[in-house]
Amino acid sequence: MLQLVLLVLLGAQTDDARFFDRKVAPILEKHCLGCHNEQLKNGNISFVDRDSLLRGGTYGPAIIPGNPAGSLLIVALRHEGELQMPPGPQLPSKEINILKDWIKRGAVWGTKLRK
């Protein structure tokens, strides 16, 4: 029985990592890594790994796994408060919804992002 539970949990993590790689990573690479990387760290935050987003930057943690509404990343992407990211036009709602879904699913990370 324990083996079955472990297989189910591992499968869910694999699905979540695949979701990250296929849906989330392209958004972060296209819209975030140009300014939020290990060299620049605009806002004192890098988007190169999950730990950096959990640790956060000037405004606090960027993500709260399981809580998209409480995650600063989503608030900033919606352009609802003082912090509005990315600068300029708001991301398409489809992309924001993908990021919300990712955070809701626990913000599981997949493979390393590429700048």
N, C-alpha and C. Protein backbone atom coordinates (compact mmCIF):
# COMPACT_ATOMS: atom_id res chain seq x y z
N MET A 1 0.82 -1.20 0.00
CA MET A 1 0.00 0.00 0.00
C MET A 1 0.86 1.26 0.00
N LEU A 2 1.89 1.28 0.83
CA LEU A 2 2.78 2.43 0.90
C LEU A 2 3.46 2.67 -0.45
N GLN A 3 3.81 1.61 -1.14
CA GLN A 3 4.45 1.74 -2.44
C GLN A 3 3.51 2.40 -3.43
N LEU A 4 2.24 2.05 -3.38
CA LEU A 4 1.25 2.64 -4.28
C LEU A 4 1.11 4.14 -4.01
N VAL A 5 1.05 4.52 -2.75
CA VAL A 5 0.96 5.94 -2.38
C VAL A 5 2.19 6.69 -2.88
N LEU A 6 3.37 6.10 -2.70
CA LEU A 6 4.60 6.75 -3.17
C LEU A 6 4.62 6.90 -4.68
N LEU A 7 4.14 5.88 -5.39
CA LEU A 7 4.08 5.97 -6.86
C LEU A 7 3.13 7.06 -7.31
N VAL A 8 1.99 7.18 -6.65
CA VAL A 8 1.02 8.24 -6.98
C VAL A 8 1.63 9.61 -6.73
N LEU A 9 2.28 9.78 -5.58
CA LEU A 9 2.90 11.07 -5.25
C LEU A 9 4.02 11.40 -6.23
N LEU A 10 4.84 10.42 -6.57
CA LEU A 10 5.92 10.65 -7.52
C LEU A 10 5.36 11.01 -8.89
N GLY A 11 4.29 10.36 -9.28
CA GLY A 11 3.65 10.69 -10.56
C GLY A 11 3.12 12.10 -10.59
N ALA A 12 2.53 12.55 -9.48
CA ALA A 12 2.01 13.92 -9.39
C ALA A 12 3.15 14.92 -9.49
N GLN A 13 4.26 14.63 -8.80
CA GLN A 13 5.41 15.55 -8.88
C GLN A 13 5.97 15.59 -10.28
N THR A 14 6.01 14.43 -10.95
CA THR A 14 6.50 14.39 -12.32
C THR A 14 5.59 15.20 -13.23
N ASP A 15 4.27 15.06 -13.05
CA ASP A 15 3.33 15.84 -13.85
C ASP A 15 3.51 17.34 -13.59
N ASP A 16 3.70 17.71 -12.33
CA ASP A 16 3.89 19.12 -11.99
C ASP A 16 5.21 19.65 -12.55
N ALA A 17 6.26 18.85 -12.52
CA ALA A 17 7.54 19.27 -13.10
C ALA A 17 7.41 19.42 -14.62
N ARG A 18 6.67 18.52 -15.24
CA ARG A 18 6.44 18.62 -16.69
C ARG A 18 5.63 19.88 -17.00
N PHE A 19 4.62 20.18 -16.16
CA PHE A 19 3.82 21.39 -16.32
C PHE A 19 4.73 22.62 -16.26
N PHE A 20 5.64 22.62 -15.30
CA PHE A 20 6.59 23.73 -15.18
C PHE A 20 7.42 23.87 -16.46
N ASP A 21 8.01 22.76 -16.89
CA ASP A 21 8.89 22.80 -18.06
C ASP A 21 8.17 23.24 -19.33
N ARG A 22 6.95 22.78 -19.51
CA ARG A 22 6.22 23.05 -20.76
C ARG A 22 5.47 24.38 -20.76
N LYS A 23 4.97 24.78 -19.61
CA LYS A 23 4.11 25.96 -19.56
C LYS A 23 4.72 27.15 -18.83
N VAL A 24 5.30 26.91 -17.66
CA VAL A 24 5.77 27.99 -16.79
C VAL A 24 7.14 28.51 -17.22
N ALA A 25 8.08 27.61 -17.43
CA ALA A 25 9.46 28.02 -17.77
C ALA A 25 9.51 28.96 -18.97
N PRO A 26 8.78 28.68 -20.06
CA PRO A 26 8.84 29.62 -21.18
C PRO A 26 8.39 31.04 -20.83
N ILE A 27 7.41 31.15 -19.94
CA ILE A 27 6.93 32.49 -19.52
C ILE A 27 8.01 33.19 -18.71
N LEU A 28 8.57 32.49 -17.73
CA LEU A 28 9.61 33.10 -16.89
C LEU A 28 10.84 33.46 -17.72
N GLU A 29 11.22 32.59 -18.63
CA GLU A 29 12.40 32.86 -19.47
C GLU A 29 12.17 34.07 -20.38
N LYS A 30 10.98 34.17 -20.92
CA LYS A 30 10.67 35.26 -21.87
C LYS A 30 10.48 36.61 -21.17
N HIS A 31 9.80 36.60 -20.03
CA HIS A 31 9.38 37.87 -19.42
C HIS A 31 10.12 38.27 -18.15
N CYS A 32 10.84 37.36 -17.50
CA CYS A 32 11.40 37.66 -16.18
C CYS A 32 12.93 37.59 -16.11
N LEU A 33 13.51 36.57 -16.72
CA LEU A 33 14.94 36.33 -16.54
C LEU A 33 15.84 37.42 -17.11
N GLY A 34 15.36 38.20 -18.04
CA GLY A 34 16.17 39.28 -18.59
C GLY A 34 16.63 40.27 -17.53
N CYS A 35 15.80 40.50 -16.53
CA CYS A 35 16.13 41.46 -15.46
C CYS A 35 16.36 40.78 -14.11
N HIS A 36 15.70 39.66 -13.89
CA HIS A 36 15.77 38.98 -12.59
C HIS A 36 16.59 37.70 -12.73
N ASN A 37 17.92 37.88 -12.81
CA ASN A 37 18.83 36.75 -12.94
C ASN A 37 19.97 36.92 -11.94
N GLU A 38 20.90 36.00 -11.92
CA GLU A 38 21.98 36.04 -10.93
C GLU A 38 22.89 37.26 -11.10
N GLN A 39 23.00 37.80 -12.29
CA GLN A 39 23.87 38.97 -12.50
C GLN A 39 23.15 40.27 -12.14
N LEU A 40 21.92 40.44 -12.57
CA LEU A 40 21.22 41.71 -12.37
C LEU A 40 20.45 41.77 -11.05
N LYS A 41 19.65 40.77 -10.79
CA LYS A 41 18.83 40.70 -9.57
C LYS A 41 18.05 42.00 -9.32
N ASN A 42 17.37 42.51 -10.35
CA ASN A 42 16.53 43.68 -10.15
C ASN A 42 15.52 43.40 -9.04
N GLY A 43 15.34 44.34 -8.14
CA GLY A 43 14.48 44.14 -6.98
C GLY A 43 15.07 43.16 -5.99
N ASN A 44 16.37 42.91 -6.12
CA ASN A 44 17.08 41.95 -5.25
C ASN A 44 16.49 40.54 -5.32
N ILE A 45 15.98 40.17 -6.51
CA ILE A 45 15.42 38.83 -6.67
C ILE A 45 15.84 38.24 -8.01
N SER A 46 16.16 36.98 -7.96
CA SER A 46 16.50 36.22 -9.16
C SER A 46 15.38 35.20 -9.40
N PHE A 47 15.08 34.96 -10.65
CA PHE A 47 14.06 33.97 -11.02
C PHE A 47 14.70 32.69 -11.55
N VAL A 48 15.95 32.45 -11.23
CA VAL A 48 16.64 31.28 -11.78
C VAL A 48 16.27 29.98 -11.08
N ASP A 49 15.74 30.05 -9.85
CA ASP A 49 15.35 28.81 -9.17
C ASP A 49 14.23 29.08 -8.16
N ARG A 50 13.61 28.01 -7.73
CA ARG A 50 12.47 28.09 -6.81
C ARG A 50 12.85 28.73 -5.49
N ASP A 51 14.01 28.33 -4.95
CA ASP A 51 14.43 28.87 -3.65
C ASP A 51 14.54 30.39 -3.67
N SER A 52 15.02 30.94 -4.77
CA SER A 52 15.13 32.40 -4.89
C SER A 52 13.76 33.06 -4.84
N LEU A 53 12.77 32.45 -5.48
CA LEU A 53 11.42 33.01 -5.47
C LEU A 53 10.78 32.88 -4.09
N LEU A 54 11.07 31.79 -3.40
CA LEU A 54 10.54 31.61 -2.04
C LEU A 54 11.19 32.59 -1.07
N ARG A 55 12.47 32.82 -1.24
CA ARG A 55 13.21 33.75 -0.38
C ARG A 55 12.77 35.18 -0.67
N GLY A 56 12.59 35.48 -1.94
CA GLY A 56 12.10 36.79 -2.33
C GLY A 56 13.17 37.84 -2.42
N GLY A 57 12.72 39.08 -2.53
CA GLY A 57 13.63 40.21 -2.69
C GLY A 57 13.18 41.38 -1.85
N THR A 58 13.29 42.56 -2.41
CA THR A 58 12.97 43.80 -1.71
C THR A 58 11.57 43.80 -1.11
N TYR A 59 10.60 43.23 -1.81
CA TYR A 59 9.20 43.27 -1.38
C TYR A 59 8.76 41.99 -0.66
N GLY A 60 9.67 41.04 -0.47
CA GLY A 60 9.33 39.80 0.20
C GLY A 60 9.26 38.64 -0.77
N PRO A 61 8.77 37.48 -0.30
CA PRO A 61 8.69 36.30 -1.15
C PRO A 61 7.83 36.56 -2.39
N ALA A 62 8.30 36.06 -3.53
CA ALA A 62 7.55 36.24 -4.77
C ALA A 62 6.40 35.24 -4.88
N ILE A 63 6.59 34.04 -4.33
CA ILE A 63 5.56 33.02 -4.41
C ILE A 63 5.30 32.40 -3.05
N ILE A 64 4.05 32.03 -2.84
CA ILE A 64 3.64 31.25 -1.67
C ILE A 64 2.97 30.01 -2.25
N PRO A 65 3.69 28.88 -2.28
CA PRO A 65 3.11 27.67 -2.88
C PRO A 65 1.73 27.36 -2.31
N GLY A 66 0.79 27.09 -3.22
CA GLY A 66 -0.57 26.80 -2.82
C GLY A 66 -1.45 28.03 -2.67
N ASN A 67 -0.87 29.22 -2.75
CA ASN A 67 -1.62 30.46 -2.51
C ASN A 67 -1.31 31.51 -3.58
N PRO A 68 -1.88 31.35 -4.78
CA PRO A 68 -1.59 32.34 -5.83
C PRO A 68 -2.06 33.75 -5.47
N ALA A 69 -3.21 33.86 -4.81
CA ALA A 69 -3.74 35.19 -4.48
C ALA A 69 -2.83 35.92 -3.50
N GLY A 70 -2.12 35.19 -2.66
CA GLY A 70 -1.22 35.80 -1.69
C GLY A 70 0.21 35.93 -2.19
N SER A 71 0.45 35.52 -3.42
CA SER A 71 1.79 35.56 -3.99
C SER A 71 2.04 36.89 -4.69
N LEU A 72 3.10 37.55 -4.27
CA LEU A 72 3.46 38.86 -4.82
C LEU A 72 3.63 38.81 -6.34
N LEU A 73 4.12 37.69 -6.86
CA LEU A 73 4.30 37.56 -8.30
C LEU A 73 2.98 37.80 -9.03
N ILE A 74 1.92 37.19 -8.57
CA ILE A 74 0.62 37.33 -9.23
C ILE A 74 0.08 38.75 -9.06
N VAL A 75 0.22 39.31 -7.88
CA VAL A 75 -0.24 40.70 -7.65
C VAL A 75 0.49 41.65 -8.60
N ALA A 76 1.82 41.47 -8.73
CA ALA A 76 2.61 42.34 -9.61
C ALA A 76 2.23 42.14 -11.07
N LEU A 77 1.97 40.90 -11.47
CA LEU A 77 1.61 40.63 -12.87
C LEU A 77 0.25 41.20 -13.24
N ARG A 78 -0.63 41.30 -12.27
CA ARG A 78 -1.96 41.86 -12.53
C ARG A 78 -1.94 43.39 -12.59
N HIS A 79 -0.81 43.99 -12.24
CA HIS A 79 -0.67 45.45 -12.22
C HIS A 79 -1.70 46.08 -11.29
N GLU A 80 -1.90 45.45 -10.11
CA GLU A 80 -2.92 45.93 -9.18
C GLU A 80 -2.39 46.83 -8.08
N GLY A 81 -1.10 46.79 -7.83
CA GLY A 81 -0.56 47.58 -6.73
C GLY A 81 0.59 48.44 -7.17
N GLU A 82 1.40 48.82 -6.20
CA GLU A 82 2.57 49.66 -6.46
C GLU A 82 3.56 48.96 -7.38
N LEU A 83 3.78 47.68 -7.15
CA LEU A 83 4.72 46.89 -7.95
C LEU A 83 3.99 46.31 -9.15
N GLN A 84 4.44 46.67 -10.35
CA GLN A 84 3.81 46.19 -11.57
C GLN A 84 4.86 45.60 -12.49
N MET A 85 4.73 44.31 -12.73
CA MET A 85 5.69 43.59 -13.57
C MET A 85 4.94 42.83 -14.65
N PRO A 86 5.53 42.68 -15.80
CA PRO A 86 6.73 43.36 -16.23
C PRO A 86 6.41 44.83 -16.50
N PRO A 87 7.45 45.66 -16.59
CA PRO A 87 7.21 47.06 -16.95
C PRO A 87 6.52 47.12 -18.31
N GLY A 88 5.64 48.06 -18.48
CA GLY A 88 4.93 48.17 -19.75
C GLY A 88 3.63 47.39 -19.70
N PRO A 89 3.25 46.83 -20.84
CA PRO A 89 1.96 46.12 -20.90
C PRO A 89 1.91 44.90 -19.99
N GLN A 90 0.74 44.64 -19.48
CA GLN A 90 0.49 43.48 -18.64
C GLN A 90 0.60 42.21 -19.48
N LEU A 91 1.04 41.11 -18.85
CA LEU A 91 1.07 39.82 -19.53
C LEU A 91 -0.34 39.42 -19.94
N PRO A 92 -0.47 38.63 -20.99
CA PRO A 92 -1.81 38.12 -21.35
C PRO A 92 -2.39 37.31 -20.19
N SER A 93 -3.70 37.39 -20.01
CA SER A 93 -4.35 36.69 -18.90
C SER A 93 -4.09 35.19 -18.97
N LYS A 94 -3.94 34.63 -20.15
CA LYS A 94 -3.65 33.19 -20.28
C LYS A 94 -2.34 32.84 -19.57
N GLU A 95 -1.32 33.68 -19.73
CA GLU A 95 -0.03 33.43 -19.10
C GLU A 95 -0.11 33.63 -17.58
N ILE A 96 -0.83 34.64 -17.15
CA ILE A 96 -1.02 34.86 -15.71
C ILE A 96 -1.74 33.67 -15.09
N ASN A 97 -2.75 33.15 -15.79
CA ASN A 97 -3.49 31.99 -15.28
C ASN A 97 -2.61 30.75 -15.19
N ILE A 98 -1.69 30.58 -16.12
CA ILE A 98 -0.75 29.46 -16.06
C ILE A 98 0.11 29.59 -14.81
N LEU A 99 0.61 30.79 -14.54
CA LEU A 99 1.44 31.00 -13.34
C LEU A 99 0.62 30.82 -12.07
N LYS A 100 -0.63 31.26 -12.07
CA LYS A 100 -1.50 31.05 -10.91
C LYS A 100 -1.71 29.55 -10.67
N ASP A 101 -1.96 28.81 -11.74
CA ASP A 101 -2.16 27.37 -11.62
C ASP A 101 -0.91 26.69 -11.09
N TRP A 102 0.25 27.11 -11.58
CA TRP A 102 1.52 26.55 -11.12
C TRP A 102 1.70 26.77 -9.61
N ILE A 103 1.43 27.98 -9.15
CA ILE A 103 1.57 28.27 -7.72
C ILE A 103 0.55 27.47 -6.92
N LYS A 104 -0.68 27.40 -7.42
CA LYS A 104 -1.73 26.63 -6.74
C LYS A 104 -1.33 25.17 -6.59
N ARG A 105 -0.64 24.63 -7.58
CA ARG A 105 -0.20 23.23 -7.58
C ARG A 105 1.05 23.01 -6.72
N GLY A 106 1.53 24.06 -6.07
CA GLY A 106 2.67 23.92 -5.17
C GLY A 106 3.96 24.50 -5.70
N ALA A 107 3.92 25.12 -6.88
CA ALA A 107 5.10 25.77 -7.48
C ALA A 107 6.28 24.80 -7.61
N VAL A 108 5.97 23.59 -8.07
CA VAL A 108 7.02 22.59 -8.28
C VAL A 108 7.90 23.05 -9.44
N TRP A 109 9.21 22.93 -9.25
CA TRP A 109 10.19 23.34 -10.26
C TRP A 109 10.54 22.15 -11.12
N GLY A 110 10.84 22.40 -12.37
CA GLY A 110 11.29 21.35 -13.28
C GLY A 110 12.78 21.48 -13.54
N THR A 111 13.14 21.54 -14.80
CA THR A 111 14.55 21.66 -15.15
C THR A 111 15.01 23.11 -15.02
N LYS A 112 16.32 23.29 -15.04
CA LYS A 112 16.90 24.62 -14.87
C LYS A 112 16.48 25.54 -16.01
N LEU A 113 16.19 26.79 -15.67
CA LEU A 113 15.82 27.78 -16.67
C LEU A 113 17.04 28.23 -17.46
N ARG A 114 16.77 28.64 -18.69
CA ARG A 114 17.84 29.17 -19.55
C ARG A 114 17.56 30.63 -19.84
N LYS A 115 18.61 31.44 -19.71
CA LYS A 115 18.50 32.86 -20.01
C LYS A 115 18.51 33.08 -21.49
